[in-house]
């Protein structure tokens, strides 16, 4: 039996989210070919700007309309190796605070 797999089934989810930024290209997620969790990149690590909590919350709420909460992971886009400690800590703190808020709300 031949299973047809589109490009969306083989590109890691973080790459898809990063490439399309706020456009939430999640069509592949509904396919049984891709049964895994999704790691959503919530900010661009190539920018020193610390995103506001509201921005990250907005992205997560959009994602939760498509991805079940049990299968959604929150991540920086692709690592923080190019950032300094101060901005890394600030960015991760915002991400953690928003995640805790939504987890409490959705529990």
N, C-alpha and C. Protein backbone atom coordinates (compact mmCIF):
# COMPACT_ATOMS: atom_id res chain seq x y z
N UNK A 1 0.84 -1.18 0.00
CA UNK A 1 0.00 0.00 0.00
C UNK A 1 0.89 1.24 0.00
N UNK A 2 0.65 2.13 -0.90
CA UNK A 2 1.42 3.36 -1.02
C UNK A 2 0.73 4.46 -0.23
N UNK A 3 1.47 5.10 0.65
CA UNK A 3 0.92 6.24 1.40
C UNK A 3 1.51 7.51 0.81
N UNK A 4 0.66 8.39 0.42
CA UNK A 4 1.12 9.64 -0.18
C UNK A 4 1.41 10.63 0.94
N UNK A 5 2.62 11.15 0.96
CA UNK A 5 3.03 12.09 2.00
C UNK A 5 3.41 13.40 1.34
N UNK A 6 2.77 14.46 1.78
CA UNK A 6 3.11 15.79 1.27
C UNK A 6 4.28 16.38 2.03
N UNK A 7 4.80 17.46 1.53
CA UNK A 7 5.94 18.13 2.16
C UNK A 7 5.62 18.52 3.60
N UNK A 8 4.36 18.84 3.88
CA UNK A 8 3.99 19.25 5.23
C UNK A 8 4.11 18.11 6.23
N UNK A 9 4.16 16.89 5.77
CA UNK A 9 4.28 15.75 6.67
C UNK A 9 5.72 15.44 7.05
N UNK A 10 6.67 15.99 6.34
CA UNK A 10 8.06 15.65 6.62
C UNK A 10 8.89 16.82 7.13
N UNK A 11 8.40 18.03 7.03
CA UNK A 11 9.12 19.18 7.58
C UNK A 11 8.79 19.27 9.06
N UNK A 12 9.78 19.44 9.93
CA UNK A 12 9.47 19.56 11.36
C UNK A 12 8.52 20.72 11.62
N UNK A 13 7.61 20.57 12.58
CA UNK A 13 6.62 21.61 12.84
C UNK A 13 7.22 22.97 13.16
N UNK A 14 8.32 23.00 13.91
CA UNK A 14 8.91 24.29 14.26
C UNK A 14 9.35 25.02 13.00
N UNK A 15 9.91 24.29 12.03
CA UNK A 15 10.31 24.93 10.78
C UNK A 15 9.12 25.53 10.05
N UNK A 16 8.02 24.82 10.04
CA UNK A 16 6.82 25.33 9.37
C UNK A 16 6.33 26.59 10.05
N UNK A 17 6.26 26.57 11.37
CA UNK A 17 5.78 27.73 12.11
C UNK A 17 6.72 28.91 11.88
N UNK A 18 8.02 28.67 11.93
CA UNK A 18 8.97 29.75 11.76
C UNK A 18 8.87 30.35 10.36
N UNK A 19 8.78 29.53 9.34
CA UNK A 19 8.73 30.03 7.97
C UNK A 19 7.48 30.83 7.68
N UNK A 20 6.38 30.43 8.29
CA UNK A 20 5.11 31.09 8.01
C UNK A 20 4.69 32.05 9.12
N UNK A 21 5.50 32.16 10.15
CA UNK A 21 5.28 33.07 11.28
C UNK A 21 3.84 33.03 11.74
N UNK A 22 3.11 34.15 11.65
CA UNK A 22 1.77 34.24 12.23
C UNK A 22 0.68 33.62 11.37
N UNK A 23 1.04 32.95 10.29
CA UNK A 23 0.03 32.44 9.36
C UNK A 23 -0.49 31.06 9.74
N UNK A 24 0.05 30.44 10.76
CA UNK A 24 -0.44 29.18 11.31
C UNK A 24 -0.85 28.17 10.26
N UNK A 25 0.13 27.56 9.69
CA UNK A 25 -0.06 26.58 8.64
C UNK A 25 -0.13 25.19 9.27
N UNK A 26 -1.29 24.84 9.80
CA UNK A 26 -1.45 23.61 10.54
C UNK A 26 -2.24 22.54 9.80
N UNK A 27 -2.48 22.66 8.53
CA UNK A 27 -3.29 21.69 7.82
C UNK A 27 -2.74 20.27 7.97
N UNK A 28 -1.43 20.12 7.97
CA UNK A 28 -0.82 18.81 8.08
C UNK A 28 -1.15 18.13 9.40
N UNK A 29 -1.46 18.89 10.42
CA UNK A 29 -1.66 18.33 11.75
C UNK A 29 -2.85 17.38 11.80
N UNK A 30 -3.86 17.63 11.01
CA UNK A 30 -5.06 16.81 11.02
C UNK A 30 -4.87 15.47 10.32
N UNK A 31 -3.78 15.30 9.66
CA UNK A 31 -3.52 14.08 8.91
C UNK A 31 -3.03 12.96 9.83
N UNK A 32 -3.52 11.73 9.65
CA UNK A 32 -3.01 10.62 10.45
C UNK A 32 -1.55 10.31 10.15
N UNK A 33 -1.03 10.85 9.07
CA UNK A 33 0.37 10.64 8.72
C UNK A 33 1.28 11.34 9.73
N UNK A 34 0.80 12.43 10.34
CA UNK A 34 1.60 13.17 11.31
C UNK A 34 0.90 13.15 12.67
N UNK A 35 1.11 12.09 13.44
CA UNK A 35 0.38 11.92 14.70
C UNK A 35 1.09 12.52 15.91
N UNK A 36 2.19 13.21 15.72
CA UNK A 36 2.99 13.69 16.85
C UNK A 36 2.50 15.01 17.42
N UNK A 37 3.14 15.41 18.51
CA UNK A 37 2.86 16.71 19.12
C UNK A 37 3.44 17.81 18.24
N UNK A 38 3.02 19.04 18.53
CA UNK A 38 3.51 20.20 17.79
C UNK A 38 4.25 21.12 18.75
N UNK A 39 5.45 21.49 18.38
CA UNK A 39 6.22 22.46 19.15
C UNK A 39 6.09 23.81 18.47
N UNK A 40 5.34 24.70 19.08
CA UNK A 40 5.07 26.00 18.47
C UNK A 40 6.15 27.00 18.85
N UNK A 41 6.85 27.53 17.86
CA UNK A 41 7.80 28.61 18.10
C UNK A 41 7.05 29.91 18.29
N UNK A 42 7.24 30.55 19.44
CA UNK A 42 6.41 31.71 19.76
C UNK A 42 7.11 33.05 19.60
N UNK A 43 8.40 33.04 19.29
CA UNK A 43 9.05 34.31 18.98
C UNK A 43 10.29 34.06 18.15
N UNK A 44 10.73 35.10 17.49
CA UNK A 44 11.87 35.01 16.59
C UNK A 44 13.15 35.23 17.37
N UNK A 45 13.96 34.19 17.51
CA UNK A 45 15.19 34.32 18.29
C UNK A 45 16.26 35.13 17.56
N UNK A 46 16.04 35.45 16.31
CA UNK A 46 17.02 36.26 15.58
C UNK A 46 16.86 37.74 15.90
N UNK A 47 15.85 38.08 16.66
CA UNK A 47 15.60 39.46 17.04
C UNK A 47 15.85 39.61 18.54
N UNK A 48 16.54 40.67 18.95
CA UNK A 48 16.76 40.88 20.39
C UNK A 48 15.51 41.39 21.11
N UNK A 49 14.47 41.69 20.36
CA UNK A 49 13.24 42.22 20.97
C UNK A 49 12.56 41.16 21.82
N UNK A 50 12.20 41.52 23.04
CA UNK A 50 11.46 40.61 23.91
C UNK A 50 9.98 40.79 23.60
N UNK A 51 9.31 39.74 23.16
CA UNK A 51 7.89 39.87 22.81
C UNK A 51 7.05 40.12 24.06
N UNK A 52 5.97 40.84 23.87
CA UNK A 52 5.04 41.09 24.97
C UNK A 52 4.26 39.82 25.26
N UNK A 53 3.84 39.68 26.50
CA UNK A 53 3.06 38.51 26.90
C UNK A 53 1.81 38.38 26.04
N UNK A 54 1.20 39.51 25.70
CA UNK A 54 -0.03 39.49 24.89
C UNK A 54 0.20 38.88 23.52
N UNK A 55 1.38 39.14 22.94
CA UNK A 55 1.70 38.59 21.62
C UNK A 55 1.79 37.07 21.66
N UNK A 56 2.50 36.57 22.66
CA UNK A 56 2.65 35.13 22.79
C UNK A 56 1.32 34.48 23.11
N UNK A 57 0.54 35.10 23.99
CA UNK A 57 -0.77 34.55 24.32
C UNK A 57 -1.67 34.48 23.09
N UNK A 58 -1.63 35.51 22.27
CA UNK A 58 -2.43 35.52 21.04
C UNK A 58 -2.05 34.35 20.13
N UNK A 59 -0.75 34.13 19.95
CA UNK A 59 -0.29 33.02 19.10
C UNK A 59 -0.74 31.67 19.66
N UNK A 60 -0.63 31.51 20.97
CA UNK A 60 -1.01 30.24 21.58
C UNK A 60 -2.51 30.00 21.49
N UNK A 61 -3.30 31.04 21.68
CA UNK A 61 -4.76 30.87 21.58
C UNK A 61 -5.17 30.50 20.15
N UNK A 62 -4.50 31.07 19.16
CA UNK A 62 -4.78 30.69 17.77
C UNK A 62 -4.43 29.22 17.54
N UNK A 63 -3.30 28.82 18.06
CA UNK A 63 -2.87 27.43 17.88
C UNK A 63 -3.82 26.47 18.58
N UNK A 64 -4.33 26.85 19.74
CA UNK A 64 -5.22 25.98 20.51
C UNK A 64 -6.57 25.77 19.82
N UNK A 65 -6.88 26.59 18.84
CA UNK A 65 -8.10 26.37 18.06
C UNK A 65 -7.95 25.18 17.12
N UNK A 66 -6.70 24.81 16.84
CA UNK A 66 -6.41 23.75 15.88
C UNK A 66 -5.76 22.53 16.53
N UNK A 67 -4.90 22.77 17.50
CA UNK A 67 -4.12 21.71 18.13
C UNK A 67 -4.66 21.46 19.54
N UNK A 68 -4.97 20.21 19.90
CA UNK A 68 -5.41 19.93 21.26
C UNK A 68 -4.33 20.32 22.28
N UNK A 69 -4.75 20.84 23.41
CA UNK A 69 -3.79 21.33 24.41
C UNK A 69 -2.81 20.26 24.85
N UNK A 70 -3.22 19.00 24.84
CA UNK A 70 -2.35 17.91 25.26
C UNK A 70 -1.20 17.67 24.28
N UNK A 71 -1.32 18.20 23.07
CA UNK A 71 -0.31 17.94 22.04
C UNK A 71 0.45 19.20 21.61
N UNK A 72 0.23 20.29 22.33
CA UNK A 72 0.89 21.55 21.98
C UNK A 72 2.02 21.85 22.97
N UNK A 73 3.19 22.06 22.42
CA UNK A 73 4.36 22.44 23.22
C UNK A 73 4.73 23.86 22.84
N UNK A 74 5.26 24.60 23.80
CA UNK A 74 5.64 25.99 23.56
C UNK A 74 7.16 26.06 23.55
N UNK A 75 7.72 26.62 22.48
CA UNK A 75 9.17 26.67 22.29
C UNK A 75 9.61 28.03 21.76
N UNK A 76 10.88 28.40 22.03
CA UNK A 76 11.45 29.46 21.21
C UNK A 76 11.60 28.86 19.81
N UNK A 77 11.73 29.67 18.79
CA UNK A 77 11.72 29.15 17.43
C UNK A 77 12.78 28.10 17.15
N UNK A 78 14.05 28.40 17.38
CA UNK A 78 15.06 27.40 17.00
C UNK A 78 16.32 27.47 17.85
N UNK A 79 16.22 27.96 19.05
CA UNK A 79 17.38 28.00 19.93
C UNK A 79 17.78 29.42 20.26
N UNK A 80 18.57 29.55 21.29
CA UNK A 80 18.94 30.88 21.77
C UNK A 80 20.45 31.10 21.78
N UNK A 81 21.18 30.32 21.00
CA UNK A 81 22.64 30.40 21.07
C UNK A 81 23.22 31.74 20.60
N UNK A 82 22.45 32.52 19.85
CA UNK A 82 22.97 33.81 19.38
C UNK A 82 22.59 34.96 20.31
N UNK A 83 21.88 34.68 21.38
CA UNK A 83 21.42 35.72 22.31
C UNK A 83 22.33 35.79 23.53
N UNK A 84 22.35 36.98 24.15
CA UNK A 84 23.06 37.14 25.41
C UNK A 84 22.19 36.61 26.55
N UNK A 85 22.81 36.44 27.73
CA UNK A 85 22.07 35.90 28.87
C UNK A 85 20.89 36.76 29.27
N UNK A 86 21.08 38.07 29.32
CA UNK A 86 20.01 38.97 29.78
C UNK A 86 18.76 38.83 28.90
N UNK A 87 18.93 38.95 27.60
CA UNK A 87 17.76 38.86 26.73
C UNK A 87 17.18 37.45 26.67
N UNK A 88 18.04 36.44 26.80
CA UNK A 88 17.54 35.06 26.81
C UNK A 88 16.64 34.83 28.01
N UNK A 89 17.09 35.26 29.18
CA UNK A 89 16.30 35.09 30.40
C UNK A 89 14.99 35.86 30.30
N UNK A 90 15.03 37.08 29.80
CA UNK A 90 13.80 37.88 29.65
C UNK A 90 12.82 37.19 28.69
N UNK A 91 13.32 36.72 27.56
CA UNK A 91 12.45 36.09 26.57
C UNK A 91 11.84 34.80 27.11
N UNK A 92 12.64 33.98 27.75
CA UNK A 92 12.12 32.73 28.30
C UNK A 92 11.14 32.98 29.44
N UNK A 93 11.37 34.02 30.23
CA UNK A 93 10.46 34.32 31.34
C UNK A 93 9.07 34.69 30.83
N UNK A 94 9.02 35.50 29.78
CA UNK A 94 7.72 35.87 29.19
C UNK A 94 7.02 34.61 28.68
N UNK A 95 7.76 33.76 28.00
CA UNK A 95 7.19 32.53 27.45
C UNK A 95 6.65 31.63 28.56
N UNK A 96 7.40 31.48 29.64
CA UNK A 96 6.98 30.63 30.76
C UNK A 96 5.77 31.23 31.46
N UNK A 97 5.76 32.54 31.68
CA UNK A 97 4.64 33.19 32.37
C UNK A 97 3.33 32.99 31.61
N UNK A 98 3.36 33.19 30.31
CA UNK A 98 2.15 33.02 29.49
C UNK A 98 1.70 31.56 29.50
N UNK A 99 2.64 30.66 29.40
CA UNK A 99 2.31 29.24 29.40
C UNK A 99 1.64 28.84 30.72
N UNK A 100 2.18 29.31 31.83
CA UNK A 100 1.58 29.01 33.14
C UNK A 100 0.16 29.57 33.23
N UNK A 101 -0.02 30.78 32.74
CA UNK A 101 -1.35 31.40 32.77
C UNK A 101 -2.36 30.56 32.00
N UNK A 102 -2.00 30.17 30.78
CA UNK A 102 -2.92 29.39 29.95
C UNK A 102 -3.16 27.98 30.52
N UNK A 103 -2.13 27.37 31.07
CA UNK A 103 -2.31 26.05 31.68
C UNK A 103 -3.31 26.12 32.83
N UNK A 104 -3.18 27.15 33.67
CA UNK A 104 -4.10 27.31 34.80
C UNK A 104 -5.53 27.53 34.30
N UNK A 105 -5.66 28.34 33.26
CA UNK A 105 -6.97 28.64 32.69
C UNK A 105 -7.62 27.40 32.05
N UNK A 106 -6.81 26.58 31.40
CA UNK A 106 -7.34 25.43 30.67
C UNK A 106 -7.41 24.14 31.50
N UNK A 107 -6.92 24.19 32.73
CA UNK A 107 -6.91 22.98 33.58
C UNK A 107 -8.32 22.52 33.93
